[in-house]
């Protein structure tokens, strides 16, 4: 039985409200991805200090990852045939219905638990470049653990 995609709009509304509480603006523009990066950089510091629980990290990853994915949809991916789907674990991801999958949720999780090299702004730009055909290959998959 196929899993139902979660309410993307509701998740995005939560992300917008969270950003607002932190003095950031999430408005589905490329500039808002820079705001998301600032928010996640702060969460990375808190994570490294041991202040975040695993469930908090996951919930924040879903919230901000879905927002970033929806912004990607607004900026280019929807017109390229991408849609929200769920993977075998029920995690929302973007797919073009072929072999191309983009997982902003796992990228956000990597940013919270990793380092600056996992910057979501760079991820966003790489995905949009891919959508425009500017890169020959790009892998956006879940981390191996």
Protein backbone atom coordinates (compact mmCIF):
# COMPACT_ATOMS: atom_id res chain seq x y z
CA UNK A 1 0.00 0.00 0.00
CA UNK A 2 1.44 3.40 -0.99
CA UNK A 3 2.12 5.82 1.82
CA UNK A 4 0.34 9.15 1.75
CA UNK A 5 2.42 12.31 1.43
CA UNK A 6 2.18 14.45 4.58
CA UNK A 7 0.49 17.85 4.50
CA UNK A 8 3.34 19.85 2.95
CA UNK A 9 1.48 23.15 3.37
CA UNK A 10 1.01 22.63 7.11
CA UNK A 11 4.66 21.68 7.61
CA UNK A 12 5.73 24.80 5.68
CA UNK A 13 3.45 26.99 7.81
CA UNK A 14 5.22 25.65 10.90
CA UNK A 15 8.61 26.45 9.36
CA UNK A 16 7.50 30.00 8.49
CA UNK A 17 6.26 30.52 12.07
CA UNK A 18 9.53 29.16 13.51
CA UNK A 19 11.58 31.44 11.28
CA UNK A 20 9.49 34.40 12.36
CA UNK A 21 10.17 33.58 16.04
CA UNK A 22 13.90 33.69 15.22
CA UNK A 23 13.62 37.00 13.36
CA UNK A 24 13.98 35.41 9.93
CA UNK A 25 11.69 35.60 6.92
CA UNK A 26 10.65 32.49 5.00
CA UNK A 27 8.84 33.66 1.86
CA UNK A 28 9.60 30.90 -0.68
CA UNK A 29 12.33 32.91 -2.39
CA UNK A 30 15.99 31.98 -2.91
CA UNK A 31 16.89 34.67 -0.36
CA UNK A 32 14.93 32.82 2.32
CA UNK A 33 17.29 29.87 1.93
CA UNK A 34 20.05 32.11 3.27
CA UNK A 35 17.80 32.80 6.27
CA UNK A 36 17.34 29.04 6.70
CA UNK A 37 21.13 28.59 6.61
CA UNK A 38 21.55 31.17 9.38
CA UNK A 39 18.92 29.43 11.50
CA UNK A 40 20.53 26.02 10.92
CA UNK A 41 24.03 27.31 11.66
CA UNK A 42 22.77 28.30 15.11
CA UNK A 43 21.18 24.88 15.59
CA UNK A 44 24.49 23.28 14.58
CA UNK A 45 26.21 25.13 17.44
CA UNK A 46 23.55 23.95 19.89
CA UNK A 47 23.88 20.38 18.55
CA UNK A 48 27.66 20.39 19.02
CA UNK A 49 27.13 21.60 22.59
CA UNK A 50 24.85 18.60 23.24
CA UNK A 51 21.75 20.75 23.69
CA UNK A 52 19.54 19.06 21.06
CA UNK A 53 17.80 15.71 21.30
CA UNK A 54 17.65 13.33 18.34
CA UNK A 55 13.88 13.74 18.04
CA UNK A 56 14.23 17.55 18.03
CA UNK A 57 16.88 17.33 15.28
CA UNK A 58 14.67 15.05 13.21
CA UNK A 59 11.53 17.18 13.64
CA UNK A 60 13.44 20.36 12.77
CA UNK A 61 15.00 18.59 9.77
CA UNK A 62 11.56 17.64 8.48
CA UNK A 63 10.13 21.12 9.04
CA UNK A 64 12.98 23.10 7.46
CA UNK A 65 13.70 20.44 4.82
CA UNK A 66 10.11 20.47 3.58
CA UNK A 67 10.18 24.27 3.48
CA UNK A 68 13.41 24.21 1.43
CA UNK A 69 11.94 21.57 -0.86
CA UNK A 70 8.79 23.61 -1.36
CA UNK A 71 10.89 26.66 -2.15
CA UNK A 72 12.73 24.57 -4.75
CA UNK A 73 9.35 23.61 -6.19
CA UNK A 74 8.34 27.29 -6.39
CA UNK A 75 11.64 28.31 -7.99
CA UNK A 76 11.97 25.64 -10.71
CA UNK A 77 11.29 22.04 -9.84
CA UNK A 78 7.51 21.91 -10.25
CA UNK A 79 7.80 23.05 -13.86
CA UNK A 80 10.41 20.32 -14.37
CA UNK A 81 7.95 17.62 -13.29
CA UNK A 82 9.07 17.15 -9.69
CA UNK A 83 6.46 16.24 -7.10
CA UNK A 84 6.47 15.33 -3.43
CA UNK A 85 6.62 11.62 -2.78
CA UNK A 86 7.54 9.52 0.23
CA UNK A 87 10.41 7.07 0.40
CA UNK A 88 10.08 3.56 1.81
CA UNK A 89 10.43 4.97 5.34
CA UNK A 90 7.63 7.51 4.79
CA UNK A 91 10.01 10.48 4.50
CA UNK A 92 8.93 13.18 2.01
CA UNK A 93 11.29 13.78 -0.89
CA UNK A 94 11.12 15.33 -4.33
CA UNK A 95 11.08 13.11 -7.39
CA UNK A 96 10.62 13.61 -11.09
CA UNK A 97 9.00 10.17 -11.37
CA UNK A 98 12.11 8.78 -13.03
CA UNK A 99 15.39 8.13 -11.27
CA UNK A 100 15.95 11.62 -9.85
CA UNK A 101 15.31 12.14 -6.16
CA UNK A 102 16.12 15.12 -4.00
CA UNK A 103 16.02 14.88 -0.23
CA UNK A 104 16.14 18.29 1.43
CA UNK A 105 15.20 16.74 4.78
CA UNK A 106 18.34 14.62 4.93
CA UNK A 107 20.41 17.61 3.77
CA UNK A 108 19.03 19.73 6.61
CA UNK A 109 19.77 16.95 9.09
CA UNK A 110 23.35 16.82 7.78
CA UNK A 111 23.62 20.59 8.26
CA UNK A 112 22.43 20.45 11.86
CA UNK A 113 24.67 17.52 12.79
CA UNK A 114 27.58 18.19 10.42
CA UNK A 115 29.48 21.32 9.51
CA UNK A 116 29.49 24.33 7.17
CA UNK A 117 30.29 22.09 4.20
CA UNK A 118 26.69 20.85 4.42
CA UNK A 119 25.41 24.39 3.76
CA UNK A 120 21.77 24.36 2.61
CA UNK A 121 22.29 27.42 0.40
CA UNK A 122 24.92 25.53 -1.64
CA UNK A 123 22.58 22.51 -1.79
CA UNK A 124 19.70 24.70 -2.99
CA UNK A 125 21.83 26.31 -5.70
CA UNK A 126 23.17 22.94 -6.87
CA UNK A 127 19.65 21.54 -7.17
CA UNK A 128 18.45 24.56 -9.14
CA UNK A 129 21.50 24.26 -11.41
CA UNK A 130 20.60 20.63 -11.96
CA UNK A 131 17.04 21.60 -12.83
CA UNK A 132 18.37 24.07 -15.37
CA UNK A 133 20.65 21.38 -16.83
CA UNK A 134 23.86 23.07 -15.69
CA UNK A 135 25.34 19.95 -14.04
CA UNK A 136 25.77 16.53 -15.55
CA UNK A 137 25.35 14.69 -12.28
CA UNK A 138 24.16 15.40 -8.79
CA UNK A 139 23.42 12.94 -6.03
CA UNK A 140 21.03 14.00 -3.28
CA UNK A 141 20.46 10.92 -1.22
CA UNK A 142 20.14 10.01 2.37
CA UNK A 143 23.28 9.61 4.46
CA UNK A 144 24.66 6.14 4.93
CA UNK A 145 24.65 5.15 8.57
